[in-house]
N, C-alpha and C. Protein backbone atom coordinates (compact mmCIF):
# COMPACT_ATOMS: atom_id res chain seq x y z
N MET A 1 -5.84 132.08 -148.60
CA MET A 1 -6.34 130.77 -148.40
C MET A 1 -7.07 130.94 -147.05
N TYR A 2 -8.18 130.01 -147.14
CA TYR A 2 -9.10 129.76 -146.54
C TYR A 2 -9.01 128.46 -145.47
N ARG A 3 -8.84 128.46 -144.31
CA ARG A 3 -8.31 127.43 -143.40
C ARG A 3 -9.46 126.98 -142.41
N VAL A 4 -9.56 125.49 -142.58
CA VAL A 4 -10.68 124.64 -141.92
C VAL A 4 -9.92 123.91 -141.12
N CYS A 5 -10.33 123.62 -139.77
CA CYS A 5 -9.52 122.58 -138.80
C CYS A 5 -10.84 121.70 -138.09
N PHE A 6 -10.65 120.51 -138.19
CA PHE A 6 -11.64 119.74 -137.66
C PHE A 6 -11.02 119.49 -136.13
N VAL A 7 -11.76 119.27 -135.27
CA VAL A 7 -11.32 118.97 -133.88
C VAL A 7 -12.13 117.76 -132.94
N CYS A 8 -11.57 117.01 -132.88
CA CYS A 8 -12.38 115.91 -131.76
C CYS A 8 -11.48 116.03 -130.40
N THR A 9 -11.64 114.73 -129.70
CA THR A 9 -11.12 114.60 -128.42
C THR A 9 -9.58 114.34 -128.43
N GLY A 10 -9.21 113.16 -129.30
CA GLY A 10 -7.81 112.79 -129.17
C GLY A 10 -7.11 112.89 -130.36
N ASN A 11 -7.84 113.42 -131.69
CA ASN A 11 -7.36 113.57 -132.74
C ASN A 11 -6.64 112.21 -133.77
N ILE A 12 -7.51 111.04 -133.18
CA ILE A 12 -7.15 109.86 -134.01
C ILE A 12 -8.20 109.18 -134.82
N CYS A 13 -9.58 109.54 -134.51
CA CYS A 13 -10.48 108.62 -134.86
C CYS A 13 -11.50 110.10 -135.87
N ARG A 14 -12.35 110.63 -135.30
CA ARG A 14 -13.20 111.35 -135.94
C ARG A 14 -12.75 112.40 -136.87
N SER A 15 -11.74 113.23 -136.09
CA SER A 15 -11.44 114.43 -136.82
C SER A 15 -10.43 114.17 -137.80
N PRO A 16 -9.51 113.31 -137.78
CA PRO A 16 -8.66 112.77 -138.93
C PRO A 16 -9.69 112.19 -140.20
N MET A 17 -10.62 111.60 -139.56
CA MET A 17 -11.55 111.08 -140.81
C MET A 17 -12.21 112.05 -141.40
N ALA A 18 -12.65 113.36 -140.69
CA ALA A 18 -13.29 114.47 -141.33
C ALA A 18 -12.54 115.02 -142.05
N GLU A 19 -11.11 115.17 -141.58
CA GLU A 19 -10.08 115.82 -142.55
C GLU A 19 -9.77 115.27 -143.78
N ALA A 20 -9.85 114.01 -143.79
CA ALA A 20 -9.65 112.97 -145.03
C ALA A 20 -10.62 113.46 -146.02
N VAL A 21 -11.93 113.32 -145.53
CA VAL A 21 -13.17 113.35 -146.22
C VAL A 21 -13.11 114.67 -147.05
N PHE A 22 -13.14 115.70 -146.27
CA PHE A 22 -13.54 117.06 -146.47
C PHE A 22 -12.41 117.41 -147.56
N ARG A 23 -10.92 117.05 -147.26
CA ARG A 23 -9.93 117.34 -148.18
C ARG A 23 -10.09 116.96 -149.56
N ALA A 24 -10.51 115.23 -149.66
CA ALA A 24 -10.94 114.85 -151.04
C ALA A 24 -12.04 115.86 -151.77
N HIS A 25 -13.26 116.28 -150.85
CA HIS A 25 -14.49 117.11 -151.38
C HIS A 25 -13.73 118.24 -151.81
N VAL A 26 -12.74 119.06 -151.10
CA VAL A 26 -12.33 120.15 -151.54
C VAL A 26 -11.48 120.14 -152.86
N ALA A 27 -10.80 118.95 -152.85
CA ALA A 27 -10.04 118.83 -154.23
C ALA A 27 -10.95 118.43 -155.36
N GLU A 28 -11.96 117.60 -155.29
CA GLU A 28 -12.75 117.13 -156.12
C GLU A 28 -13.53 118.54 -156.76
N ALA A 29 -13.78 119.52 -155.72
CA ALA A 29 -14.59 120.79 -156.19
C ALA A 29 -13.71 121.62 -156.92
N GLY A 30 -12.15 121.48 -156.91
CA GLY A 30 -11.14 122.34 -157.52
C GLY A 30 -10.87 123.48 -156.60
N LEU A 31 -11.05 123.33 -155.34
CA LEU A 31 -10.66 124.31 -154.23
C LEU A 31 -9.35 123.99 -153.68
N GLY A 32 -8.71 122.89 -154.16
CA GLY A 32 -7.42 122.62 -153.27
C GLY A 32 -6.37 123.86 -153.24
N ASP A 33 -6.31 124.82 -153.95
CA ASP A 33 -5.46 125.83 -153.97
C ASP A 33 -6.14 126.97 -152.96
N ALA A 34 -7.30 127.14 -152.66
CA ALA A 34 -8.03 127.86 -151.97
C ALA A 34 -8.37 127.55 -150.57
N VAL A 35 -8.24 126.27 -150.33
CA VAL A 35 -8.78 125.94 -148.90
C VAL A 35 -7.64 124.95 -148.23
N GLU A 36 -7.27 125.09 -147.32
CA GLU A 36 -6.30 124.32 -146.32
C GLU A 36 -7.11 123.65 -145.31
N VAL A 37 -6.92 122.33 -145.17
CA VAL A 37 -7.88 121.59 -144.47
C VAL A 37 -6.85 120.66 -143.42
N ASP A 38 -7.06 120.68 -141.70
CA ASP A 38 -6.27 119.77 -141.14
C ASP A 38 -7.04 119.52 -139.94
N SER A 39 -6.66 118.86 -139.09
CA SER A 39 -7.24 118.50 -137.64
C SER A 39 -6.45 118.57 -136.59
N ALA A 40 -7.24 118.43 -135.26
CA ALA A 40 -6.58 118.29 -134.09
C ALA A 40 -7.61 117.78 -132.77
N GLY A 41 -6.93 117.65 -131.67
CA GLY A 41 -7.81 117.25 -130.74
C GLY A 41 -7.78 118.10 -129.39
N THR A 42 -8.86 118.22 -128.84
CA THR A 42 -8.94 119.10 -127.62
C THR A 42 -7.99 118.64 -126.63
N GLY A 43 -7.48 117.30 -126.57
CA GLY A 43 -6.35 116.82 -125.64
C GLY A 43 -5.19 116.49 -126.49
N GLY A 44 -4.18 116.22 -125.65
CA GLY A 44 -2.88 115.82 -126.17
C GLY A 44 -2.66 114.50 -126.04
N TRP A 45 -3.35 113.79 -125.62
CA TRP A 45 -2.91 112.14 -125.39
C TRP A 45 -2.20 111.45 -126.30
N HIS A 46 -2.57 111.85 -127.56
CA HIS A 46 -2.14 110.87 -128.85
C HIS A 46 -1.17 111.75 -129.45
N GLU A 47 -0.75 112.86 -129.09
CA GLU A 47 0.25 113.72 -130.05
C GLU A 47 1.16 112.92 -130.63
N GLY A 48 1.45 112.93 -131.79
CA GLY A 48 2.37 112.26 -132.56
C GLY A 48 1.75 110.99 -133.30
N ASP A 49 1.13 110.34 -132.82
CA ASP A 49 0.42 109.28 -133.12
C ASP A 49 -0.03 109.33 -134.47
N GLY A 50 -0.37 108.18 -135.15
CA GLY A 50 -0.99 108.10 -136.18
C GLY A 50 -2.53 108.04 -136.27
N ALA A 51 -3.52 108.04 -137.20
CA ALA A 51 -4.85 107.82 -136.74
C ALA A 51 -5.22 106.32 -136.33
N ASP A 52 -6.17 106.11 -135.85
CA ASP A 52 -6.46 104.58 -135.29
C ASP A 52 -6.46 103.85 -136.46
N PRO A 53 -6.31 102.47 -136.23
CA PRO A 53 -5.89 101.77 -137.60
C PRO A 53 -7.45 101.38 -137.99
N ARG A 54 -8.65 101.62 -137.14
CA ARG A 54 -9.96 101.33 -137.69
C ARG A 54 -10.47 102.48 -138.67
N THR A 55 -9.93 103.59 -138.15
CA THR A 55 -10.19 104.86 -139.05
C THR A 55 -9.53 104.83 -140.36
N VAL A 56 -8.21 104.34 -140.23
CA VAL A 56 -7.46 104.27 -141.65
C VAL A 56 -8.21 103.06 -142.50
N ALA A 57 -8.46 101.86 -141.86
CA ALA A 57 -9.32 100.99 -142.66
C ALA A 57 -10.36 101.56 -143.52
N VAL A 58 -11.26 101.98 -142.77
CA VAL A 58 -12.67 102.61 -143.16
C VAL A 58 -12.40 103.79 -144.35
N LEU A 59 -11.36 104.62 -144.03
CA LEU A 59 -11.14 105.66 -144.99
C LEU A 59 -10.64 104.91 -146.34
N GLU A 60 -9.60 104.11 -146.17
CA GLU A 60 -9.00 103.44 -147.29
C GLU A 60 -10.12 102.30 -147.81
N ALA A 61 -10.97 101.87 -147.23
CA ALA A 61 -11.92 100.99 -147.89
C ALA A 61 -12.88 101.98 -148.75
N ALA A 62 -13.16 103.44 -148.33
CA ALA A 62 -13.85 104.12 -149.11
C ALA A 62 -13.21 104.84 -150.00
N GLY A 63 -11.96 104.72 -150.40
CA GLY A 63 -11.02 105.43 -151.31
C GLY A 63 -10.49 106.81 -150.95
N TYR A 64 -10.47 107.30 -149.65
CA TYR A 64 -9.99 108.43 -149.22
C TYR A 64 -8.46 108.05 -148.76
N GLU A 65 -7.55 109.11 -149.14
CA GLU A 65 -6.13 109.03 -148.64
C GLU A 65 -5.80 109.66 -147.38
N GLN A 66 -5.01 109.10 -146.58
CA GLN A 66 -4.92 109.90 -145.37
C GLN A 66 -3.29 109.61 -144.88
N ALA A 67 -2.65 110.71 -144.38
CA ALA A 67 -1.36 110.75 -143.84
C ALA A 67 -1.51 111.66 -142.57
N HIS A 68 -1.39 111.09 -141.13
CA HIS A 68 -2.02 111.64 -140.28
C HIS A 68 -1.18 111.37 -138.98
N ARG A 69 -0.71 112.69 -138.50
CA ARG A 69 -0.20 112.63 -137.05
C ARG A 69 -1.22 113.55 -136.20
N ALA A 70 -1.47 112.90 -135.09
CA ALA A 70 -2.32 113.51 -134.02
C ALA A 70 -1.66 114.84 -133.25
N ARG A 71 -2.22 115.77 -132.97
CA ARG A 71 -1.89 116.87 -132.46
C ARG A 71 -2.91 117.78 -131.60
N GLN A 72 -2.42 118.52 -130.57
CA GLN A 72 -3.75 119.14 -129.55
C GLN A 72 -3.79 120.61 -130.07
N PHE A 73 -5.07 121.07 -130.02
CA PHE A 73 -5.40 122.31 -130.96
C PHE A 73 -5.02 123.28 -129.63
N ARG A 74 -4.81 124.37 -130.13
CA ARG A 74 -4.02 125.40 -129.35
C ARG A 74 -5.00 126.83 -129.80
N ALA A 75 -5.15 127.46 -128.55
CA ALA A 75 -5.88 128.92 -128.73
C ALA A 75 -5.10 129.72 -129.74
N SER A 76 -3.92 129.56 -129.80
CA SER A 76 -3.09 130.59 -130.75
C SER A 76 -3.50 130.35 -132.23
N TRP A 77 -4.01 129.20 -132.50
CA TRP A 77 -4.28 128.90 -133.72
C TRP A 77 -5.61 129.48 -134.36
N PHE A 78 -6.46 130.13 -133.42
CA PHE A 78 -7.80 131.02 -134.02
C PHE A 78 -7.32 132.03 -134.66
N ASP A 79 -6.19 132.60 -134.48
CA ASP A 79 -5.76 133.74 -135.35
C ASP A 79 -5.54 133.33 -136.87
N ARG A 80 -5.19 132.31 -137.40
CA ARG A 80 -4.97 131.78 -138.50
C ARG A 80 -6.11 130.99 -139.41
N LEU A 81 -7.02 130.40 -138.40
CA LEU A 81 -8.21 129.85 -139.19
C LEU A 81 -9.25 130.59 -139.29
N ASP A 82 -10.22 130.14 -140.17
CA ASP A 82 -11.38 130.76 -140.75
C ASP A 82 -12.44 129.98 -139.91
N LEU A 83 -12.42 128.70 -139.91
CA LEU A 83 -13.43 127.99 -139.27
C LEU A 83 -13.01 126.61 -138.73
N VAL A 84 -13.49 126.29 -137.48
CA VAL A 84 -13.11 125.15 -136.54
C VAL A 84 -14.29 124.52 -136.43
N ILE A 85 -14.35 123.19 -136.83
CA ILE A 85 -15.45 122.23 -136.77
C ILE A 85 -15.20 121.26 -135.83
N ALA A 86 -16.10 121.62 -134.93
CA ALA A 86 -16.17 120.53 -133.46
C ALA A 86 -16.96 119.31 -134.09
N LEU A 87 -16.50 118.27 -133.50
CA LEU A 87 -17.42 116.86 -134.02
C LEU A 87 -18.54 116.50 -133.08
N ASP A 88 -18.53 117.16 -131.75
CA ASP A 88 -19.60 117.21 -130.97
C ASP A 88 -19.70 118.20 -130.15
N ALA A 89 -20.98 118.11 -129.22
CA ALA A 89 -21.16 119.35 -128.43
C ALA A 89 -20.26 119.76 -127.18
N GLY A 90 -19.47 118.53 -126.88
CA GLY A 90 -18.28 118.64 -125.74
C GLY A 90 -17.35 119.55 -126.54
N HIS A 91 -16.75 119.03 -127.65
CA HIS A 91 -15.70 119.83 -128.25
C HIS A 91 -16.17 121.33 -128.55
N LEU A 92 -17.48 121.50 -129.08
CA LEU A 92 -17.88 122.81 -129.52
C LEU A 92 -17.89 123.74 -128.20
N ARG A 93 -18.22 123.32 -126.95
CA ARG A 93 -18.13 123.84 -125.77
C ARG A 93 -16.61 124.31 -125.28
N ASP A 94 -15.77 123.36 -125.38
CA ASP A 94 -14.41 123.34 -125.09
C ASP A 94 -13.72 124.41 -125.83
N LEU A 95 -13.90 124.29 -127.08
CA LEU A 95 -13.25 125.13 -128.20
C LEU A 95 -13.83 126.61 -128.11
N ARG A 96 -15.05 126.69 -127.89
CA ARG A 96 -15.53 128.09 -127.40
C ARG A 96 -14.94 128.60 -126.33
N ALA A 97 -14.95 127.85 -125.16
CA ALA A 97 -14.15 128.46 -124.25
C ALA A 97 -12.66 128.79 -124.39
N LEU A 98 -11.99 128.07 -125.39
CA LEU A 98 -10.69 128.18 -125.32
C LEU A 98 -10.58 129.66 -126.26
N ALA A 99 -11.45 129.92 -126.99
CA ALA A 99 -11.29 131.03 -128.07
C ALA A 99 -11.02 132.56 -127.36
N PRO A 100 -9.90 132.92 -127.81
CA PRO A 100 -9.43 134.33 -126.92
C PRO A 100 -10.28 135.52 -127.04
N THR A 101 -11.29 135.37 -128.16
CA THR A 101 -12.16 136.51 -128.53
C THR A 101 -13.64 135.98 -128.92
N PRO A 102 -14.57 136.70 -128.77
CA PRO A 102 -15.91 136.39 -129.34
C PRO A 102 -16.00 136.24 -130.86
N HIS A 103 -15.15 136.83 -131.45
CA HIS A 103 -14.90 136.79 -132.96
C HIS A 103 -14.41 135.21 -133.21
N ASP A 104 -13.48 134.84 -132.28
CA ASP A 104 -12.75 133.26 -132.54
C ASP A 104 -14.11 132.39 -132.07
N ALA A 105 -14.56 132.44 -131.19
CA ALA A 105 -15.61 131.73 -130.57
C ALA A 105 -16.74 131.56 -131.66
N ALA A 106 -17.19 132.63 -132.37
CA ALA A 106 -17.90 132.51 -133.54
C ALA A 106 -17.35 131.75 -134.70
N LYS A 107 -16.15 131.50 -134.80
CA LYS A 107 -15.59 130.67 -135.95
C LYS A 107 -15.89 128.97 -135.64
N VAL A 108 -16.10 128.79 -134.48
CA VAL A 108 -16.26 127.50 -134.06
C VAL A 108 -17.68 126.84 -134.37
N ARG A 109 -17.97 125.81 -135.37
CA ARG A 109 -19.32 125.50 -135.66
C ARG A 109 -19.26 123.45 -135.33
N LEU A 110 -20.63 123.13 -135.28
CA LEU A 110 -20.67 121.77 -135.20
C LEU A 110 -20.59 121.06 -136.49
N LEU A 111 -20.05 119.79 -136.95
CA LEU A 111 -19.92 119.14 -138.29
C LEU A 111 -21.45 119.20 -138.79
N ARG A 112 -21.99 118.40 -137.78
CA ARG A 112 -23.42 117.90 -138.34
C ARG A 112 -24.51 119.30 -138.74
N SER A 113 -24.08 120.64 -138.22
CA SER A 113 -25.12 121.37 -138.20
C SER A 113 -24.98 121.99 -139.85
N TYR A 114 -24.24 121.36 -140.53
CA TYR A 114 -24.20 121.17 -142.25
C TYR A 114 -24.72 120.28 -142.85
N ASP A 115 -25.56 119.50 -141.79
CA ASP A 115 -26.43 118.23 -142.35
C ASP A 115 -27.87 118.66 -142.45
N PRO A 116 -28.53 119.01 -142.99
CA PRO A 116 -29.93 119.66 -143.01
C PRO A 116 -31.03 118.71 -142.38
N ALA A 117 -30.54 117.14 -142.61
CA ALA A 117 -31.39 116.10 -142.02
C ALA A 117 -31.14 115.89 -140.68
N ALA A 118 -30.05 116.33 -140.03
CA ALA A 118 -29.53 116.12 -138.87
C ALA A 118 -30.39 117.07 -137.76
N ALA A 119 -31.23 116.18 -136.84
CA ALA A 119 -31.92 116.94 -135.83
C ALA A 119 -31.05 117.77 -134.69
N ALA A 120 -31.18 118.50 -134.22
CA ALA A 120 -30.59 119.26 -132.92
C ALA A 120 -30.18 118.06 -131.95
N ALA A 121 -30.99 117.14 -131.74
CA ALA A 121 -30.81 116.19 -130.82
C ALA A 121 -29.77 115.04 -131.44
N GLU A 122 -29.51 115.16 -132.70
CA GLU A 122 -28.51 114.42 -133.37
C GLU A 122 -27.21 115.10 -133.85
N ALA A 123 -26.84 116.09 -133.35
CA ALA A 123 -26.00 116.96 -133.93
C ALA A 123 -24.46 116.21 -133.47
N ASP A 124 -24.39 115.53 -132.83
CA ASP A 124 -22.91 114.88 -132.35
C ASP A 124 -22.47 113.84 -133.55
N VAL A 125 -21.31 113.94 -133.77
CA VAL A 125 -20.74 112.63 -134.26
C VAL A 125 -20.21 111.71 -133.42
N PRO A 126 -20.91 110.50 -133.05
CA PRO A 126 -20.65 109.59 -131.94
C PRO A 126 -19.03 109.12 -132.10
N ASP A 127 -18.59 109.24 -130.71
CA ASP A 127 -17.03 108.58 -130.54
C ASP A 127 -17.18 107.17 -130.80
N PRO A 128 -16.54 106.59 -131.97
CA PRO A 128 -16.47 105.21 -132.21
C PRO A 128 -15.49 104.60 -131.70
N TYR A 129 -14.53 105.15 -130.77
CA TYR A 129 -13.06 104.60 -130.36
C TYR A 129 -13.31 103.35 -129.29
N TYR A 130 -14.33 103.37 -128.52
CA TYR A 130 -14.57 102.28 -127.80
C TYR A 130 -15.47 101.21 -128.30
N GLY A 131 -15.67 101.21 -129.64
CA GLY A 131 -16.72 100.48 -130.12
C GLY A 131 -16.03 99.63 -131.35
N SER A 132 -17.27 98.89 -132.08
CA SER A 132 -16.66 98.10 -133.18
C SER A 132 -16.38 98.94 -134.57
N LEU A 133 -15.76 98.42 -135.53
CA LEU A 133 -15.80 98.79 -136.78
C LEU A 133 -16.91 99.41 -137.22
N ASP A 134 -18.17 99.04 -136.85
CA ASP A 134 -19.57 99.70 -137.51
C ASP A 134 -19.50 101.11 -136.96
N GLY A 135 -19.16 101.29 -135.92
CA GLY A 135 -18.89 102.87 -135.04
C GLY A 135 -18.22 103.91 -136.08
N PHE A 136 -17.19 103.25 -136.66
CA PHE A 136 -16.48 104.03 -137.59
C PHE A 136 -16.85 104.15 -139.24
N GLU A 137 -17.52 103.09 -139.29
CA GLU A 137 -18.29 103.16 -140.75
C GLU A 137 -19.43 104.23 -140.36
N GLU A 138 -20.16 104.15 -139.15
CA GLU A 138 -21.23 105.26 -139.00
C GLU A 138 -20.73 106.57 -139.15
N CYS A 139 -19.69 107.00 -138.45
CA CYS A 139 -18.89 108.07 -138.45
C CYS A 139 -18.74 108.32 -140.03
N LEU A 140 -18.14 107.65 -140.54
CA LEU A 140 -17.79 107.89 -142.12
C LEU A 140 -19.09 108.56 -142.58
N GLU A 141 -20.31 107.85 -142.51
CA GLU A 141 -21.47 108.18 -143.17
C GLU A 141 -21.92 109.68 -142.89
N LEU A 142 -21.94 109.79 -141.46
CA LEU A 142 -22.40 111.11 -141.00
C LEU A 142 -21.31 112.08 -141.54
N VAL A 143 -20.10 111.97 -141.49
CA VAL A 143 -19.01 113.02 -142.00
C VAL A 143 -19.21 113.23 -143.40
N GLU A 144 -19.32 112.18 -144.05
CA GLU A 144 -19.62 112.45 -145.54
C GLU A 144 -21.04 113.10 -145.94
N THR A 145 -21.96 112.72 -145.28
CA THR A 145 -23.14 113.61 -145.42
C THR A 145 -23.34 114.97 -144.99
N ALA A 146 -22.54 115.55 -143.77
CA ALA A 146 -22.51 116.73 -143.52
C ALA A 146 -21.19 117.55 -144.33
N SER A 147 -20.32 116.98 -144.93
CA SER A 147 -19.60 117.47 -145.85
C SER A 147 -19.90 118.09 -147.14
N THR A 148 -21.01 117.55 -147.52
CA THR A 148 -21.79 118.33 -148.59
C THR A 148 -22.06 119.63 -148.54
N GLY A 149 -22.94 119.98 -147.13
CA GLY A 149 -23.25 121.03 -146.63
C GLY A 149 -22.00 121.94 -146.57
N LEU A 150 -21.22 121.64 -145.78
CA LEU A 150 -19.94 122.23 -145.36
C LEU A 150 -19.11 122.74 -146.57
N LEU A 151 -18.93 121.80 -147.70
CA LEU A 151 -18.45 122.20 -148.88
C LEU A 151 -19.14 123.57 -149.37
N ASP A 152 -20.52 123.64 -149.44
CA ASP A 152 -21.29 124.73 -149.84
C ASP A 152 -20.68 126.01 -149.30
N ALA A 153 -20.99 125.61 -147.82
CA ALA A 153 -20.54 127.09 -146.98
C ALA A 153 -19.16 127.52 -147.30
N VAL A 154 -18.16 126.47 -147.44
CA VAL A 154 -16.76 127.00 -147.47
C VAL A 154 -16.57 127.42 -148.89
N ARG A 155 -17.21 127.01 -149.93
CA ARG A 155 -17.18 127.55 -151.30
C ARG A 155 -17.74 129.01 -151.49
N GLU A 156 -18.84 129.19 -150.56
CA GLU A 156 -19.15 130.61 -150.59
C GLU A 156 -18.52 131.59 -149.73
N ALA A 157 -17.74 130.96 -148.65
CA ALA A 157 -16.76 132.04 -147.96
C ALA A 157 -15.89 132.13 -148.89
N VAL A 158 -15.03 131.12 -149.70
CA VAL A 158 -13.82 131.20 -150.34
C VAL A 158 -14.10 132.40 -151.28
N LYS A 159 -15.48 132.69 -152.01
CA LYS A 159 -15.86 133.54 -152.69
C LYS A 159 -15.67 134.97 -152.24
N GLU A 160 -16.40 135.09 -151.00
CA GLU A 160 -16.44 136.24 -149.98
C GLU A 160 -14.92 136.62 -149.90
N HIS A 161 -14.21 135.68 -149.40
CA HIS A 161 -12.80 135.97 -148.88
C HIS A 161 -11.79 136.51 -150.07
N SER A 162 -12.30 136.11 -151.28
CA SER A 162 -11.36 136.52 -152.42
C SER A 162 -11.75 137.72 -153.04
N ALA A 163 -13.03 138.06 -152.77
CA ALA A 163 -13.57 139.38 -153.39
C ALA A 163 -12.93 140.40 -152.84
């Protein structure tokens, strides 16, 4: 099993959105039995909470299913994960600092690094939490766009993983 975990700050907006979108892409690609997708937050403020209602509304309007409970990322998880996807540069920095080994730190990547159209200066998925529904819709667009390239990379990794 190839394991991917999306990480944002509180695990109620961006990372559960990315988890739901990517899980749908994985299933559609026929990789559901080979790839496990989940999410977490760098902080534990919302542990046990569901996704933000705006996240839920945007996902449902786009046809994505989600059943989410927030949780905090733990350094011990690196052992079982193959890829840790940070939603912005701050998460990337925090996760790499949390990684117990250089090998684990190398598992951490920015989501938008899988979007060939994203410039380095635009590598973050902006946090929509303090804004309007428009920010959540923009977040979904960015996640969907990057998920195509991420799926290609994961598909290749699964082939190598099972070879």
